[in-house]
PDB file of all heavy atoms in Angstrom:
ATOM      1  N   GLY A   1      21.092  -4.428   9.300  1.00  0.00           N
ATOM      2  CA  GLY A   1      21.567  -4.396   7.928  1.00  0.00           C
ATOM      3  C   GLY A   1      20.778  -3.522   6.986  1.00  0.00           C
ATOM      4  O   GLY A   1      21.021  -3.521   5.783  1.00  0.00           O
ATOM      5  N   LYS A   2      19.812  -2.772   7.525  1.00  0.00           N
ATOM      6  CA  LYS A   2      18.977  -1.919   6.668  1.00  0.00           C
ATOM      7  C   LYS A   2      19.093  -0.463   7.068  1.00  0.00           C
ATOM      8  O   LYS A   2      19.548  -0.137   8.164  1.00  0.00           O
ATOM      9  CB  LYS A   2      17.522  -2.371   6.739  1.00  0.00           C
ATOM     10  CG  LYS A   2      17.280  -3.756   6.157  1.00  0.00           C
ATOM     11  CD  LYS A   2      15.794  -4.053   6.089  1.00  0.00           C
ATOM     12  CE  LYS A   2      15.537  -5.393   5.421  1.00  0.00           C
ATOM     13  NZ  LYS A   2      14.086  -5.690   5.345  1.00  0.00           N
ATOM     14  N   GLU A   3      18.650   0.391   6.158  1.00  0.00           N
ATOM     15  CA  GLU A   3      18.616   1.822   6.443  1.00  0.00           C
ATOM     16  C   GLU A   3      17.490   2.129   7.437  1.00  0.00           C
ATOM     17  O   GLU A   3      16.489   1.410   7.515  1.00  0.00           O
ATOM     18  CB  GLU A   3      18.365   2.599   5.148  1.00  0.00           C
ATOM     19  CG  GLU A   3      19.451   2.465   4.104  1.00  0.00           C
ATOM     20  CD  GLU A   3      20.687   3.228   4.484  1.00  0.00           C
ATOM     21  OE1 GLU A   3      20.542   4.366   4.971  1.00  0.00           O
ATOM     22  OE2 GLU A   3      21.797   2.695   4.291  1.00  0.00           O
ATOM     23  N   ARG A   4      17.683   3.204   8.175  1.00  0.00           N
ATOM     24  CA  ARG A   4      16.607   3.650   9.051  1.00  0.00           C
ATOM     25  C   ARG A   4      15.453   4.148   8.179  1.00  0.00           C
ATOM     26  O   ARG A   4      15.669   4.874   7.214  1.00  0.00           O
ATOM     27  CB  ARG A   4      17.099   4.765   9.962  1.00  0.00           C
ATOM     28  CG  ARG A   4      16.114   5.172  11.034  1.00  0.00           C
ATOM     29  CD  ARG A   4      16.730   6.168  12.018  1.00  0.00           C
ATOM     30  NE  ARG A   4      17.872   5.595  12.721  1.00  0.00           N
ATOM     31  CZ  ARG A   4      18.471   6.189  13.756  1.00  0.00           C
ATOM     32  NH1 ARG A   4      18.035   7.361  14.190  1.00  0.00           N
ATOM     33  NH2 ARG A   4      19.503   5.631  14.334  1.00  0.00           N
ATOM     34  N   GLU A   5      14.237   3.756   8.540  1.00  0.00           N
ATOM     35  CA  GLU A   5      13.079   4.176   7.760  1.00  0.00           C
ATOM     36  C   GLU A   5      12.046   4.836   8.654  1.00  0.00           C
ATOM     37  O   GLU A   5      11.871   4.475   9.821  1.00  0.00           O
ATOM     38  CB  GLU A   5      12.443   2.991   7.003  1.00  0.00           C
ATOM     39  CG  GLU A   5      11.736   1.964   7.863  1.00  0.00           C
ATOM     40  CD  GLU A   5      10.977   0.921   7.076  1.00  0.00           C
ATOM     41  OE1 GLU A   5      10.878   1.025   5.831  1.00  0.00           O
ATOM     42  OE2 GLU A   5      10.457  -0.021   7.716  1.00  0.00           O
ATOM     43  N   TRP A   6      11.368   5.777   8.049  1.00  0.00           N
ATOM     44  CA  TRP A   6      10.289   6.482   8.749  1.00  0.00           C
ATOM     45  C   TRP A   6       9.079   5.566   8.843  1.00  0.00           C
ATOM     46  O   TRP A   6       8.750   4.860   7.878  1.00  0.00           O
ATOM     47  CB  TRP A   6       9.950   7.750   7.971  1.00  0.00           C
ATOM     48  CG  TRP A   6       8.773   8.493   8.500  1.00  0.00           C
ATOM     49  CD1 TRP A   6       8.742   9.371   9.531  1.00  0.00           C
ATOM     50  CD2 TRP A   6       7.433   8.419   8.002  1.00  0.00           C
ATOM     51  NE1 TRP A   6       7.473   9.859   9.712  1.00  0.00           N
ATOM     52  CE2 TRP A   6       6.648   9.290   8.773  1.00  0.00           C
ATOM     53  CE3 TRP A   6       6.814   7.711   6.978  1.00  0.00           C
ATOM     54  CZ2 TRP A   6       5.285   9.467   8.562  1.00  0.00           C
ATOM     55  CZ3 TRP A   6       5.469   7.890   6.766  1.00  0.00           C
ATOM     56  CH2 TRP A   6       4.716   8.757   7.548  1.00  0.00           C
ATOM     57  N   VAL A   7       8.412   5.571   9.994  1.00  0.00           N
ATOM     58  CA  VAL A   7       7.267   4.698  10.216  1.00  0.00           C
ATOM     59  C   VAL A   7       5.968   5.477  10.353  1.00  0.00           C
ATOM     60  O   VAL A   7       4.956   5.137   9.735  1.00  0.00           O
ATOM     61  CB  VAL A   7       7.483   3.841  11.482  1.00  0.00           C
ATOM     62  CG1 VAL A   7       6.252   3.002  11.787  1.00  0.00           C
ATOM     63  CG2 VAL A   7       8.715   2.954  11.328  1.00  0.00           C
ATOM     64  N   ALA A   8       5.996   6.510  11.174  1.00  0.00           N
ATOM     65  CA  ALA A   8       4.762   7.243  11.442  1.00  0.00           C
ATOM     66  C   ALA A   8       5.102   8.612  12.018  1.00  0.00           C
ATOM     67  O   ALA A   8       6.196   8.828  12.528  1.00  0.00           O
ATOM     68  CB  ALA A   8       3.867   6.479  12.429  1.00  0.00           C
ATOM     69  N   LYS A   9       4.133   9.504  11.951  1.00  0.00           N
ATOM     70  CA  LYS A   9       4.296  10.799  12.597  1.00  0.00           C
ATOM     71  C   LYS A   9       2.946  11.269  13.107  1.00  0.00           C
ATOM     72  O   LYS A   9       1.887  10.835  12.623  1.00  0.00           O
ATOM     73  CB  LYS A   9       4.879  11.839  11.638  1.00  0.00           C
ATOM     74  CG  LYS A   9       3.909  12.317  10.572  1.00  0.00           C
ATOM     75  CD  LYS A   9       4.513  13.446   9.752  1.00  0.00           C
ATOM     76  CE  LYS A   9       3.512  13.953   8.715  1.00  0.00           C
ATOM     77  NZ  LYS A   9       4.111  15.005   7.857  1.00  0.00           N
ATOM     78  N   ILE A  10       3.001  12.177  14.073  1.00  0.00           N
ATOM     79  CA  ILE A  10       1.787  12.801  14.573  1.00  0.00           C
ATOM     80  C   ILE A  10       2.052  14.293  14.692  1.00  0.00           C
ATOM     81  O   ILE A  10       3.086  14.707  15.218  1.00  0.00           O
ATOM     82  CB  ILE A  10       1.332  12.178  15.909  1.00  0.00           C
ATOM     83  CG1 ILE A  10      -0.032  12.729  16.314  1.00  0.00           C
ATOM     84  CG2 ILE A  10       2.371  12.360  17.012  1.00  0.00           C
ATOM     85  CD1 ILE A  10      -0.718  11.887  17.398  1.00  0.00           C
ATOM     86  N   ILE A  11       1.131  15.074  14.160  1.00  0.00           N
ATOM     87  CA  ILE A  11       1.330  16.514  14.163  1.00  0.00           C
ATOM     88  C   ILE A  11       0.577  17.151  15.328  1.00  0.00           C
ATOM     89  O   ILE A  11      -0.058  16.471  16.129  1.00  0.00           O
ATOM     90  CB  ILE A  11       0.924  17.126  12.814  1.00  0.00           C
ATOM     91  CG1 ILE A  11      -0.579  16.927  12.561  1.00  0.00           C
ATOM     92  CG2 ILE A  11       1.752  16.538  11.688  1.00  0.00           C
ATOM     93  CD1 ILE A  11      -1.050  17.627  11.284  1.00  0.00           C
ATOM     94  N   GLN A  12       0.645  18.467  15.392  1.00  0.00           N
ATOM     95  CA  GLN A  12       0.121  19.215  16.535  1.00  0.00           C
ATOM     96  C   GLN A  12      -1.347  18.892  16.818  1.00  0.00           C
ATOM     97  O   GLN A  12      -1.749  18.752  17.966  1.00  0.00           O
ATOM     98  CB  GLN A  12       0.297  20.701  16.276  1.00  0.00           C
ATOM     99  CG  GLN A  12      -0.212  21.615  17.355  1.00  0.00           C
ATOM    100  CD  GLN A  12       0.002  23.069  17.000  1.00  0.00           C
ATOM    101  OE1 GLN A  12       0.750  23.394  16.089  1.00  0.00           O
ATOM    102  NE2 GLN A  12      -0.663  23.956  17.719  1.00  0.00           N
ATOM    103  N   ASN A  13      -2.139  18.775  15.752  1.00  0.00           N
ATOM    104  CA  ASN A  13      -3.583  18.584  15.960  1.00  0.00           C
ATOM    105  C   ASN A  13      -3.961  17.124  16.202  1.00  0.00           C
ATOM    106  O   ASN A  13      -5.146  16.803  16.316  1.00  0.00           O
ATOM    107  CB  ASN A  13      -4.375  19.148  14.778  1.00  0.00           C
ATOM    108  CG  ASN A  13      -4.147  18.376  13.489  1.00  0.00           C
ATOM    109  OD1 ASN A  13      -3.446  17.360  13.465  1.00  0.00           O
ATOM    110  ND2 ASN A  13      -4.734  18.849  12.403  1.00  0.00           N
ATOM    111  N   GLY A  14      -2.966  16.254  16.286  1.00  0.00           N
ATOM    112  CA  GLY A  14      -3.232  14.851  16.577  1.00  0.00           C
ATOM    113  C   GLY A  14      -3.393  13.953  15.369  1.00  0.00           C
ATOM    114  O   GLY A  14      -3.613  12.745  15.511  1.00  0.00           O
ATOM    115  N   ARG A  15      -3.303  14.527  14.198  1.00  0.00           N
ATOM    116  CA  ARG A  15      -3.443  13.702  12.994  1.00  0.00           C
ATOM    117  C   ARG A  15      -2.199  12.880  12.772  1.00  0.00           C
ATOM    118  O   ARG A  15      -1.084  13.389  12.886  1.00  0.00           O
ATOM    119  CB  ARG A  15      -3.700  14.565  11.770  1.00  0.00           C
ATOM    120  CG  ARG A  15      -4.171  13.773  10.564  1.00  0.00           C
ATOM    121  CD  ARG A  15      -4.159  14.624   9.321  1.00  0.00           C
ATOM    122  NE  ARG A  15      -2.804  14.705   8.770  1.00  0.00           N
ATOM    123  CZ  ARG A  15      -2.488  15.428   7.699  1.00  0.00           C
ATOM    124  NH1 ARG A  15      -3.401  16.156   7.095  1.00  0.00           N
ATOM    125  NH2 ARG A  15      -1.247  15.452   7.258  1.00  0.00           N
ATOM    126  N   GLY A  16      -2.389  11.609  12.458  1.00  0.00           N
ATOM    127  CA  GLY A  16      -1.273  10.715  12.228  1.00  0.00           C
ATOM    128  C   GLY A  16      -1.107  10.372  10.762  1.00  0.00           C
ATOM    129  O   GLY A  16      -2.045  10.473   9.982  1.00  0.00           O
ATOM    130  N   ASP A  17       0.101   9.956  10.431  1.00  0.00           N
ATOM    131  CA  ASP A  17       0.393   9.507   9.077  1.00  0.00           C
ATOM    132  C   ASP A  17       1.341   8.324   9.202  1.00  0.00           C
ATOM    133  O   ASP A  17       2.139   8.265  10.150  1.00  0.00           O
ATOM    134  CB  ASP A  17       1.027  10.637   8.268  1.00  0.00           C
ATOM    135  CG  ASP A  17       0.997  10.370   6.781  1.00  0.00           C
ATOM    136  OD1 ASP A  17       0.310   9.408   6.354  1.00  0.00           O
ATOM    137  OD2 ASP A  17       1.660  11.101   6.018  1.00  0.00           O
ATOM    138  N   TYR A  18       1.269   7.377   8.239  1.00  0.00           N
ATOM    139  CA  TYR A  18       1.964   6.115   8.388  1.00  0.00           C
ATOM    140  C   TYR A  18       2.602   5.654   7.080  1.00  0.00           C
ATOM    141  O   TYR A  18       2.087   5.944   5.990  1.00  0.00           O
ATOM    142  CB  TYR A  18       0.975   5.024   8.823  1.00  0.00           C
ATOM    143  CG  TYR A  18       0.198   5.363  10.061  1.00  0.00           C
ATOM    144  CD1 TYR A  18      -1.009   6.052   9.983  1.00  0.00           C
ATOM    145  CD2 TYR A  18       0.665   4.997  11.319  1.00  0.00           C
ATOM    146  CE1 TYR A  18      -1.721   6.380  11.121  1.00  0.00           C
ATOM    147  CE2 TYR A  18      -0.053   5.314  12.463  1.00  0.00           C
ATOM    148  CZ  TYR A  18      -1.234   6.007  12.352  1.00  0.00           C
ATOM    149  OH  TYR A  18      -1.940   6.329  13.490  1.00  0.00           O
ATOM    150  N   ILE A  19       3.674   4.908   7.231  1.00  0.00           N
ATOM    151  CA  ILE A  19       4.203   4.194   6.085  1.00  0.00           C
ATOM    152  C   ILE A  19       3.185   3.131   5.692  1.00  0.00           C
ATOM    153  O   ILE A  19       2.451   2.602   6.539  1.00  0.00           O
ATOM    154  CB  ILE A  19       5.570   3.555   6.432  1.00  0.00           C
ATOM    155  CG1 ILE A  19       6.293   3.052   5.190  1.00  0.00           C
ATOM    156  CG2 ILE A  19       5.411   2.440   7.432  1.00  0.00           C
ATOM    157  CD1 ILE A  19       7.709   2.571   5.477  1.00  0.00           C
ATOM    158  N   GLU A  20       3.128   2.819   4.392  1.00  0.00           N
ATOM    159  CA  GLU A  20       2.087   1.933   3.891  1.00  0.00           C
ATOM    160  C   GLU A  20       2.082   0.574   4.593  1.00  0.00           C
ATOM    161  O   GLU A  20       1.014   0.006   4.860  1.00  0.00           O
ATOM    162  CB  GLU A  20       2.271   1.741   2.382  1.00  0.00           C
ATOM    163  CG  GLU A  20       1.101   1.068   1.691  1.00  0.00           C
ATOM    164  CD  GLU A  20      -0.169   1.894   1.732  1.00  0.00           C
ATOM    165  OE1 GLU A  20      -0.081   3.139   1.708  1.00  0.00           O
ATOM    166  OE2 GLU A  20      -1.246   1.288   1.799  1.00  0.00           O
ATOM    167  N   SER A  21       3.256   0.063   4.908  1.00  0.00           N
ATOM    168  CA  SER A  21       3.355  -1.301   5.438  1.00  0.00           C
ATOM    169  C   SER A  21       2.770  -1.466   6.836  1.00  0.00           C
ATOM    170  O   SER A  21       2.555  -2.602   7.285  1.00  0.00           O
ATOM    171  CB  SER A  21       4.814  -1.761   5.444  1.00  0.00           C
ATOM    172  OG  SER A  21       5.600  -0.915   6.251  1.00  0.00           O
ATOM    173  N   VAL A  22       2.503  -0.371   7.532  1.00  0.00           N
ATOM    174  CA  VAL A  22       1.951  -0.482   8.889  1.00  0.00           C
ATOM    175  C   VAL A  22       0.531   0.051   8.996  1.00  0.00           C
ATOM    176  O   VAL A  22      -0.086  -0.042  10.066  1.00  0.00           O
ATOM    177  CB  VAL A  22       2.851   0.208   9.943  1.00  0.00           C
ATOM    178  CG1 VAL A  22       4.295  -0.261   9.814  1.00  0.00           C
ATOM    179  CG2 VAL A  22       2.757   1.718   9.850  1.00  0.00           C
ATOM    180  N   LYS A  23       0.014   0.599   7.916  1.00  0.00           N
ATOM    181  CA  LYS A  23      -1.347   1.144   7.959  1.00  0.00           C
ATOM    182  C   LYS A  23      -2.341   0.050   8.332  1.00  0.00           C
ATOM    183  O   LYS A  23      -2.293  -1.057   7.816  1.00  0.00           O
ATOM    184  CB  LYS A  23      -1.711   1.747   6.602  1.00  0.00           C
ATOM    185  CG  LYS A  23      -1.071   3.092   6.344  1.00  0.00           C
ATOM    186  CD  LYS A  23      -1.511   3.676   5.016  1.00  0.00           C
ATOM    187  CE  LYS A  23      -0.860   5.032   4.776  1.00  0.00           C
ATOM    188  NZ  LYS A  23      -1.228   5.607   3.468  1.00  0.00           N
ATOM    189  N   GLY A  24      -3.244   0.389   9.242  1.00  0.00           N
ATOM    190  CA  GLY A  24      -4.229  -0.569   9.713  1.00  0.00           C
ATOM    191  C   GLY A  24      -3.741  -1.436  10.852  1.00  0.00           C
ATOM    192  O   GLY A  24      -4.538  -2.130  11.488  1.00  0.00           O
ATOM    193  N   ARG A  25      -2.444  -1.413  11.130  1.00  0.00           N
ATOM    194  CA  ARG A  25      -1.889  -2.213  12.238  1.00  0.00           C
ATOM    195  C   ARG A  25      -1.325  -1.332  13.345  1.00  0.00           C
ATOM    196  O   ARG A  25      -1.404  -1.680  14.515  1.00  0.00           O
ATOM    197  CB  ARG A  25      -0.777  -3.130  11.715  1.00  0.00           C
ATOM    198  CG  ARG A  25      -1.220  -4.109  10.657  1.00  0.00           C
ATOM    199  CD  ARG A  25      -0.127  -5.129  10.333  1.00  0.00           C
ATOM    200  NE  ARG A  25       1.090  -4.533   9.794  1.00  0.00           N
ATOM    201  CZ  ARG A  25       2.292  -4.632  10.357  1.00  0.00           C
ATOM    202  NH1 ARG A  25       2.445  -5.309  11.485  1.00  0.00           N
ATOM    203  NH2 ARG A  25       3.353  -4.072   9.778  1.00  0.00           N
ATOM    204  N   PHE A  26      -0.732  -0.207  12.989  1.00  0.00           N
ATOM    205  CA  PHE A  26      -0.123   0.702  13.967  1.00  0.00           C
ATOM    206  C   PHE A  26      -0.996   1.947  14.122  1.00  0.00           C
ATOM    207  O   PHE A  26      -1.587   2.438  13.148  1.00  0.00           O
ATOM    208  CB  PHE A  26       1.262   1.139  13.508  1.00  0.00           C
ATOM    209  CG  PHE A  26       2.333   0.080  13.511  1.00  0.00           C
ATOM    210  CD1 PHE A  26       2.026  -1.265  13.681  1.00  0.00           C
ATOM    211  CD2 PHE A  26       3.664   0.435  13.358  1.00  0.00           C
ATOM    212  CE1 PHE A  26       3.012  -2.236  13.694  1.00  0.00           C
ATOM    213  CE2 PHE A  26       4.670  -0.522  13.363  1.00  0.00           C
ATOM    214  CZ  PHE A  26       4.338  -1.853  13.518  1.00  0.00           C
ATOM    215  N   THR A  27      -1.029   2.451  15.345  1.00  0.00           N
ATOM    216  CA  THR A  27      -1.738   3.699  15.611  1.00  0.00           C
ATOM    217  C   THR A  27      -0.864   4.596  16.468  1.00  0.00           C
ATOM    218  O   THR A  27      -0.381   4.173  17.524  1.00  0.00           O
ATOM    219  CB  THR A  27      -3.065   3.437  16.351  1.00  0.00           C
ATOM    220  OG1 THR A  27      -3.881   2.558  15.573  1.00  0.00           O
ATOM    221  CG2 THR A  27      -3.814   4.745  16.577  1.00  0.00           C
ATOM    222  N   ILE A  28      -0.684   5.818  15.996  1.00  0.00           N
ATOM    223  CA  ILE A  28       0.106   6.791  16.753  1.00  0.00           C
ATOM    224  C   ILE A  28      -0.850   7.748  17.462  1.00  0.00           C
ATOM    225  O   ILE A  28      -1.892   8.128  16.907  1.00  0.00           O
ATOM    226  CB  ILE A  28       1.088   7.542  15.819  1.00  0.00           C
ATOM    227  CG1 ILE A  28       2.113   8.330  16.620  1.00  0.00           C
ATOM    228  CG2 ILE A  28       0.346   8.433  14.826  1.00  0.00           C
ATOM    229  CD1 ILE A  28       3.255   8.869  15.779  1.00  0.00           C
ATOM    230  N   SER A  29      -0.500   8.114  18.690  1.00  0.00           N
ATOM    231  CA  SER A  29      -1.340   9.035  19.452  1.00  0.00           C
ATOM    232  C   SER A  29      -0.443   9.863  20.362  1.00  0.00           C
ATOM    233  O   SER A  29       0.735   9.549  20.535  1.00  0.00           O
ATOM    234  CB  SER A  29      -2.381   8.273  20.274  1.00  0.00           C
ATOM    235  OG  SER A  29      -1.756   7.401  21.195  1.00  0.00           O
ATOM    236  N   ARG A  30      -1.021  10.905  20.937  1.00  0.00           N
ATOM    237  CA  ARG A  30      -0.229  11.738  21.819  1.00  0.00           C
ATOM    238  C   ARG A  30      -1.051  12.170  23.011  1.00  0.00           C
ATOM    239  O   ARG A  30      -2.276  12.340  22.919  1.00  0.00           O
ATOM    240  CB  ARG A  30       0.311  12.960  21.063  1.00  0.00           C
ATOM    241  CG  ARG A  30      -0.720  13.968  20.597  1.00  0.00           C
ATOM    242  CD  ARG A  30      -0.115  14.991  19.627  1.00  0.00           C
ATOM    243  NE  ARG A  30       0.940  15.773  20.246  1.00  0.00           N
ATOM    244  CZ  ARG A  30       1.898  16.398  19.554  1.00  0.00           C
ATOM    245  NH1 ARG A  30       1.932  16.308  18.232  1.00  0.00           N
ATOM    246  NH2 ARG A  30       2.818  17.111  20.176  1.00  0.00           N
ATOM    247  N   ASP A  31      -0.349  12.379  24.125  1.00  0.00           N
ATOM    248  CA  ASP A  31      -0.944  12.922  25.342  1.00  0.00           C
ATOM    249  C   ASP A  31      -0.101  14.140  25.703  1.00  0.00           C
ATOM    250  O   ASP A  31       0.999  13.996  26.253  1.00  0.00           O
ATOM    251  CB  ASP A  31      -0.935  11.878  26.459  1.00  0.00           C
ATOM    252  CG  ASP A  31      -1.636  12.364  27.714  1.00  0.00           C
ATOM    253  OD1 ASP A  31      -1.700  13.604  27.927  1.00  0.00           O
ATOM    254  OD2 ASP A  31      -2.092  11.515  28.497  1.00  0.00           O
ATOM    255  N   ASN A  32      -0.597  15.313  25.380  1.00  0.00           N
ATOM    256  CA  ASN A  32       0.209  16.517  25.590  1.00  0.00           C
ATOM    257  C   ASN A  32       0.451  16.804  27.069  1.00  0.00           C
ATOM    258  O   ASN A  32       1.486  17.386  27.418  1.00  0.00           O
ATOM    259  CB  ASN A  32      -0.447  17.713  24.916  1.00  0.00           C
ATOM    260  CG  ASN A  32      -0.341  17.650  23.394  1.00  0.00           C
ATOM    261  OD1 ASN A  32       0.486  16.920  22.845  1.00  0.00           O
ATOM    262  ND2 ASN A  32      -1.189  18.408  22.724  1.00  0.00           N
ATOM    263  N   ARG A  33      -0.469  16.400  27.927  1.00  0.00           N
ATOM    264  CA  ARG A  33      -0.249  16.638  29.353  1.00  0.00           C
ATOM    265  C   ARG A  33       0.922  15.824  29.865  1.00  0.00           C
ATOM    266  O   ARG A  33       1.677  16.260  30.740  1.00  0.00           O
ATOM    267  CB  ARG A  33      -1.503  16.311  30.153  1.00  0.00           C
ATOM    268  CG  ARG A  33      -2.636  17.309  29.982  1.00  0.00           C
ATOM    269  CD  ARG A  33      -3.807  16.947  30.861  1.00  0.00           C
ATOM    270  NE  ARG A  33      -4.276  15.597  30.587  1.00  0.00           N
ATOM    271  CZ  ARG A  33      -5.125  14.947  31.359  1.00  0.00           C
ATOM    272  NH1 ARG A  33      -5.618  15.519  32.439  1.00  0.00           N
ATOM    273  NH2 ARG A  33      -5.505  13.732  31.043  1.00  0.00           N
ATOM    274  N   LYS A  34       1.076  14.635  29.318  1.00  0.00           N
ATOM    275  CA  LYS A  34       2.179  13.767  29.729  1.00  0.00           C
ATOM    276  C   LYS A  34       3.410  13.933  28.847  1.00  0.00           C
ATOM    277  O   LYS A  34       4.413  13.252  29.047  1.00  0.00           O
ATOM    278  CB  LYS A  34       1.728  12.302  29.709  1.00  0.00           C
ATOM    279  CG  LYS A  34       0.657  11.980  30.722  1.00  0.00           C
ATOM    280  CD  LYS A  34       0.275  10.503  30.675  1.00  0.00           C
ATOM    281  CE  LYS A  34      -0.775  10.181  31.725  1.00  0.00           C
ATOM    282  NZ  LYS A  34      -1.161   8.749  31.698  1.00  0.00           N
ATOM    283  N   GLU A  35       3.289  14.796  27.831  1.00  0.00           N
ATOM    284  CA  GLU A  35       4.401  15.035  26.893  1.00  0.00           C
ATOM    285  C   GLU A  35       4.898  13.715  26.302  1.00  0.00           C
ATOM    286  O   GLU A  35       6.106  13.471  26.209  1.00  0.00           O
ATOM    287  CB  GLU A  35       5.542  15.799  27.569  1.00  0.00           C
ATOM    288  CG  GLU A  35       5.120  17.168  28.067  1.00  0.00           C
ATOM    289  CD  GLU A  35       6.261  17.943  28.708  1.00  0.00           C
ATOM    290  OE1 GLU A  35       6.989  17.327  29.516  1.00  0.00           O
ATOM    291  OE2 GLU A  35       6.425  19.140  28.399  1.00  0.00           O
TER     292      GLU A  35
END
């Protein structure tokens, strides 16, 4: 019943950004070898 909302993103250099409601609870990461 709600709109889709953005939660987090990770850019090329590995830096993450988060919606306020998940900061401190969610962590985004990437493994480029595993894509």
